[in-house]
Amino acid sequence: MCCVITILLLLGPRAAILIWWLLRPLRFAATFPNFVWPFLGFLFLPWTTLAYLIVWRPGAGVVGFGWFLLIFAFLADLSIHAGGAYGNRDRIRAYR
């Protein structure tokens, strides 16, 4: 099972979220109160959504080292969006 999770993480966080949702839908139902938040996380912040699924505990929420992992995943998502914008800066005339 550990090798499967590693392969999914190498394919990307969206693939890992999708497969995890197909295999363990009750984890999503327990972690998120409705379908909106995981869907928005899947679209815009996939690493943060995946980290939240990993560190969230029933009854306790996110505690201890989980906050560090969650902040690190959020920074990874921000860097992906910023890197894409920086990489495409030559395509927009206003930035030349």
N, C-alpha and C. Protein backbone atom coordinates (compact mmCIF):
# COMPACT_ATOMS: atom_id res chain seq x y z
N MET A 1 0.82 -1.20 0.00
CA MET A 1 0.00 0.00 0.00
C MET A 1 0.87 1.26 0.00
N CYS A 2 1.98 1.23 0.68
CA CYS A 2 2.86 2.39 0.74
C CYS A 2 3.42 2.71 -0.65
N CYS A 3 3.74 1.70 -1.42
CA CYS A 3 4.26 1.92 -2.78
C CYS A 3 3.19 2.54 -3.68
N VAL A 4 1.94 2.17 -3.48
CA VAL A 4 0.86 2.73 -4.28
C VAL A 4 0.71 4.22 -3.98
N ILE A 5 0.78 4.59 -2.71
CA ILE A 5 0.67 6.00 -2.32
C ILE A 5 1.83 6.79 -2.89
N THR A 6 3.03 6.23 -2.86
CA THR A 6 4.20 6.91 -3.41
C THR A 6 4.06 7.11 -4.92
N ILE A 7 3.59 6.13 -5.63
CA ILE A 7 3.39 6.26 -7.07
C ILE A 7 2.34 7.33 -7.37
N LEU A 8 1.27 7.36 -6.57
CA LEU A 8 0.24 8.38 -6.79
C LEU A 8 0.78 9.78 -6.52
N LEU A 9 1.61 9.93 -5.51
CA LEU A 9 2.19 11.24 -5.23
C LEU A 9 3.12 11.67 -6.35
N LEU A 10 3.80 10.71 -6.97
CA LEU A 10 4.66 11.05 -8.09
C LEU A 10 3.84 11.42 -9.33
N LEU A 11 2.65 10.85 -9.48
CA LEU A 11 1.78 11.22 -10.60
C LEU A 11 1.21 12.61 -10.40
N GLY A 12 1.08 13.04 -9.19
CA GLY A 12 0.56 14.36 -8.90
C GLY A 12 -0.47 14.30 -7.80
N PRO A 13 -0.66 15.43 -7.13
CA PRO A 13 -1.60 15.43 -6.00
C PRO A 13 -3.05 15.22 -6.42
N ARG A 14 -3.41 15.67 -7.61
CA ARG A 14 -4.80 15.48 -8.04
C ARG A 14 -5.11 14.01 -8.28
N ALA A 15 -4.16 13.28 -8.83
CA ALA A 15 -4.36 11.83 -9.02
C ALA A 15 -4.46 11.13 -7.67
N ALA A 16 -3.64 11.55 -6.73
CA ALA A 16 -3.68 10.94 -5.39
C ALA A 16 -5.01 11.23 -4.71
N ILE A 17 -5.51 12.47 -4.82
CA ILE A 17 -6.80 12.82 -4.22
C ILE A 17 -7.92 12.00 -4.85
N LEU A 18 -7.91 11.89 -6.17
CA LEU A 18 -8.96 11.15 -6.87
C LEU A 18 -8.97 9.68 -6.48
N ILE A 19 -7.81 9.04 -6.48
CA ILE A 19 -7.75 7.62 -6.12
C ILE A 19 -8.11 7.42 -4.65
N TRP A 20 -7.63 8.32 -3.79
CA TRP A 20 -7.96 8.20 -2.37
C TRP A 20 -9.47 8.35 -2.16
N TRP A 21 -10.08 9.28 -2.88
CA TRP A 21 -11.52 9.46 -2.77
C TRP A 21 -12.27 8.22 -3.24
N LEU A 22 -11.78 7.57 -4.31
CA LEU A 22 -12.43 6.36 -4.80
C LEU A 22 -12.27 5.19 -3.84
N LEU A 23 -11.10 5.11 -3.18
CA LEU A 23 -10.84 3.99 -2.27
C LEU A 23 -11.41 4.20 -0.88
N ARG A 24 -11.37 5.43 -0.39
CA ARG A 24 -11.82 5.71 0.98
C ARG A 24 -12.76 6.92 1.02
N PRO A 25 -13.96 6.80 0.51
CA PRO A 25 -14.87 7.95 0.49
C PRO A 25 -15.32 8.37 1.90
N LEU A 26 -15.29 7.46 2.85
CA LEU A 26 -15.69 7.82 4.21
C LEU A 26 -14.70 8.78 4.86
N ARG A 27 -13.42 8.70 4.48
CA ARG A 27 -12.43 9.64 5.00
C ARG A 27 -12.76 11.06 4.55
N PHE A 28 -13.16 11.23 3.29
CA PHE A 28 -13.57 12.54 2.79
C PHE A 28 -14.83 13.02 3.50
N ALA A 29 -15.78 12.13 3.70
CA ALA A 29 -17.02 12.51 4.37
C ALA A 29 -16.77 12.93 5.81
N ALA A 30 -15.82 12.29 6.48
CA ALA A 30 -15.51 12.64 7.86
C ALA A 30 -14.68 13.91 7.94
N THR A 31 -13.81 14.14 6.97
CA THR A 31 -12.90 15.29 7.01
C THR A 31 -13.59 16.58 6.58
N PHE A 32 -14.36 16.53 5.52
CA PHE A 32 -14.99 17.74 4.98
C PHE A 32 -16.49 17.68 5.20
N PRO A 33 -17.10 18.82 5.61
CA PRO A 33 -18.55 18.80 5.89
C PRO A 33 -19.43 18.70 4.64
N ASN A 34 -18.91 19.13 3.48
CA ASN A 34 -19.69 19.06 2.24
C ASN A 34 -18.73 18.84 1.07
N PHE A 35 -19.27 18.81 -0.13
CA PHE A 35 -18.47 18.50 -1.32
C PHE A 35 -17.72 19.72 -1.86
N VAL A 36 -18.11 20.92 -1.46
CA VAL A 36 -17.55 22.14 -2.03
C VAL A 36 -16.07 22.28 -1.70
N TRP A 37 -15.69 22.12 -0.44
CA TRP A 37 -14.29 22.35 -0.03
C TRP A 37 -13.31 21.38 -0.67
N PRO A 38 -13.58 20.08 -0.69
CA PRO A 38 -12.60 19.22 -1.37
C PRO A 38 -12.55 19.47 -2.88
N PHE A 39 -13.67 19.85 -3.48
CA PHE A 39 -13.68 20.15 -4.92
C PHE A 39 -12.84 21.39 -5.21
N LEU A 40 -13.02 22.45 -4.43
CA LEU A 40 -12.22 23.66 -4.62
C LEU A 40 -10.74 23.39 -4.33
N GLY A 41 -10.49 22.57 -3.31
CA GLY A 41 -9.11 22.20 -3.01
C GLY A 41 -8.49 21.38 -4.14
N PHE A 42 -9.28 20.50 -4.73
CA PHE A 42 -8.80 19.72 -5.86
C PHE A 42 -8.41 20.61 -7.03
N LEU A 43 -9.19 21.66 -7.27
CA LEU A 43 -8.92 22.56 -8.38
C LEU A 43 -7.78 23.53 -8.12
N PHE A 44 -7.77 24.17 -6.95
CA PHE A 44 -6.86 25.28 -6.71
C PHE A 44 -5.70 24.98 -5.76
N LEU A 45 -5.90 24.17 -4.74
CA LEU A 45 -4.87 23.87 -3.74
C LEU A 45 -4.75 22.36 -3.51
N PRO A 46 -4.28 21.61 -4.50
CA PRO A 46 -4.28 20.15 -4.34
C PRO A 46 -3.32 19.64 -3.26
N TRP A 47 -2.13 20.24 -3.13
CA TRP A 47 -1.20 19.77 -2.10
C TRP A 47 -1.74 20.06 -0.70
N THR A 48 -2.39 21.20 -0.53
CA THR A 48 -2.97 21.54 0.76
C THR A 48 -4.12 20.60 1.10
N THR A 49 -4.94 20.30 0.13
CA THR A 49 -6.06 19.38 0.36
C THR A 49 -5.55 17.99 0.73
N LEU A 50 -4.54 17.53 0.04
CA LEU A 50 -3.96 16.22 0.33
C LEU A 50 -3.33 16.20 1.72
N ALA A 51 -2.61 17.27 2.06
CA ALA A 51 -2.00 17.34 3.39
C ALA A 51 -3.07 17.39 4.48
N TYR A 52 -4.14 18.13 4.23
CA TYR A 52 -5.22 18.20 5.22
C TYR A 52 -5.85 16.83 5.45
N LEU A 53 -6.03 16.07 4.38
CA LEU A 53 -6.56 14.72 4.52
C LEU A 53 -5.62 13.82 5.33
N ILE A 54 -4.34 14.05 5.19
CA ILE A 54 -3.37 13.21 5.90
C ILE A 54 -3.31 13.56 7.38
N VAL A 55 -3.32 14.86 7.72
CA VAL A 55 -3.07 15.26 9.11
C VAL A 55 -4.34 15.40 9.94
N TRP A 56 -5.51 15.45 9.32
CA TRP A 56 -6.75 15.62 10.07
C TRP A 56 -7.07 14.37 10.86
N ARG A 57 -7.44 14.57 12.13
CA ARG A 57 -7.81 13.44 12.99
C ARG A 57 -9.26 13.62 13.45
N PRO A 58 -10.03 12.55 13.46
CA PRO A 58 -11.42 12.66 13.93
C PRO A 58 -11.47 13.09 15.39
N GLY A 59 -12.27 14.10 15.67
CA GLY A 59 -12.43 14.58 17.04
C GLY A 59 -11.38 15.59 17.47
N ALA A 60 -10.22 15.60 16.83
CA ALA A 60 -9.15 16.51 17.25
C ALA A 60 -8.84 17.55 16.19
N GLY A 61 -9.08 17.26 14.94
CA GLY A 61 -8.74 18.17 13.86
C GLY A 61 -7.25 18.10 13.54
N VAL A 62 -6.65 19.25 13.28
CA VAL A 62 -5.22 19.33 12.96
C VAL A 62 -4.49 19.76 14.23
N VAL A 63 -3.51 18.97 14.64
CA VAL A 63 -2.76 19.29 15.86
C VAL A 63 -1.27 19.09 15.63
N GLY A 64 -0.46 19.77 16.43
CA GLY A 64 0.99 19.56 16.46
C GLY A 64 1.70 19.76 15.13
N PHE A 65 2.48 18.76 14.76
CA PHE A 65 3.30 18.80 13.55
C PHE A 65 2.45 18.89 12.30
N GLY A 66 1.20 18.53 12.41
CA GLY A 66 0.28 18.61 11.27
C GLY A 66 0.15 20.02 10.74
N TRP A 67 0.21 21.02 11.62
CA TRP A 67 0.15 22.42 11.17
C TRP A 67 1.34 22.77 10.31
N PHE A 68 2.52 22.28 10.68
CA PHE A 68 3.72 22.54 9.88
C PHE A 68 3.56 21.92 8.49
N LEU A 69 3.10 20.70 8.43
CA LEU A 69 2.90 20.02 7.15
C LEU A 69 1.85 20.74 6.30
N LEU A 70 0.80 21.22 6.95
CA LEU A 70 -0.26 21.93 6.24
C LEU A 70 0.25 23.27 5.67
N ILE A 71 1.03 24.00 6.44
CA ILE A 71 1.60 25.26 5.98
C ILE A 71 2.60 25.01 4.85
N PHE A 72 3.40 23.97 4.98
CA PHE A 72 4.36 23.62 3.93
C PHE A 72 3.64 23.27 2.62
N ALA A 73 2.54 22.54 2.71
CA ALA A 73 1.77 22.18 1.51
C ALA A 73 1.14 23.43 0.89
N PHE A 74 0.66 24.35 1.73
CA PHE A 74 0.09 25.59 1.22
C PHE A 74 1.15 26.41 0.49
N LEU A 75 2.35 26.48 1.05
CA LEU A 75 3.44 27.20 0.38
C LEU A 75 3.83 26.51 -0.93
N ALA A 76 3.75 25.19 -0.97
CA ALA A 76 4.03 24.46 -2.22
C ALA A 76 2.99 24.82 -3.28
N ASP A 77 1.71 24.90 -2.88
CA ASP A 77 0.67 25.30 -3.84
C ASP A 77 0.89 26.72 -4.33
N LEU A 78 1.23 27.63 -3.42
CA LEU A 78 1.49 29.01 -3.83
C LEU A 78 2.68 29.10 -4.78
N SER A 79 3.71 28.32 -4.52
CA SER A 79 4.89 28.36 -5.39
C SER A 79 4.57 27.79 -6.77
N ILE A 80 3.70 26.83 -6.85
CA ILE A 80 3.30 26.29 -8.15
C ILE A 80 2.56 27.35 -8.96
N HIS A 81 1.64 28.06 -8.30
CA HIS A 81 0.89 29.12 -9.01
C HIS A 81 1.80 30.28 -9.38
N ALA A 82 2.68 30.68 -8.48
CA ALA A 82 3.59 31.79 -8.76
C ALA A 82 4.60 31.41 -9.84
N GLY A 83 5.08 30.19 -9.80
CA GLY A 83 6.03 29.74 -10.83
C GLY A 83 5.40 29.71 -12.20
N GLY A 84 4.14 29.34 -12.29
CA GLY A 84 3.45 29.35 -13.57
C GLY A 84 3.27 30.76 -14.10
N ALA A 85 2.94 31.67 -13.20
CA ALA A 85 2.78 33.07 -13.62
C ALA A 85 4.11 33.66 -14.05
N TYR A 86 5.17 33.36 -13.31
CA TYR A 86 6.49 33.89 -13.64
C TYR A 86 6.99 33.29 -14.96
N GLY A 87 6.73 32.03 -15.18
CA GLY A 87 7.17 31.37 -16.40
C GLY A 87 6.46 31.89 -17.65
N ASN A 88 5.24 32.38 -17.49
CA ASN A 88 4.46 32.87 -18.63
C ASN A 88 4.50 34.39 -18.76
N ARG A 89 5.38 35.07 -18.07
CA ARG A 89 5.40 36.53 -18.09
C ARG A 89 5.74 37.10 -19.46
N ASP A 90 6.47 36.35 -20.29
CA ASP A 90 6.83 36.85 -21.62
C ASP A 90 5.66 36.78 -22.61
N ARG A 91 4.62 36.07 -22.29
CA ARG A 91 3.47 35.93 -23.17
C ARG A 91 2.51 37.10 -23.07
N ILE A 92 2.63 37.89 -22.01
CA ILE A 92 1.72 38.99 -21.79
C ILE A 92 2.45 40.29 -22.13
N ARG A 93 1.89 41.10 -23.02
CA ARG A 93 2.56 42.31 -23.47
C ARG A 93 2.76 43.34 -22.37
N ALA A 94 1.86 43.42 -21.42
CA ALA A 94 1.96 44.44 -20.37
C ALA A 94 3.17 44.22 -19.48
N TYR A 95 3.67 43.02 -19.39
CA TYR A 95 4.82 42.73 -18.52
C TYR A 95 6.16 42.87 -19.23
N ARG A 96 6.18 43.21 -20.51
CA ARG A 96 7.43 43.34 -21.23
C ARG A 96 8.08 44.67 -21.00
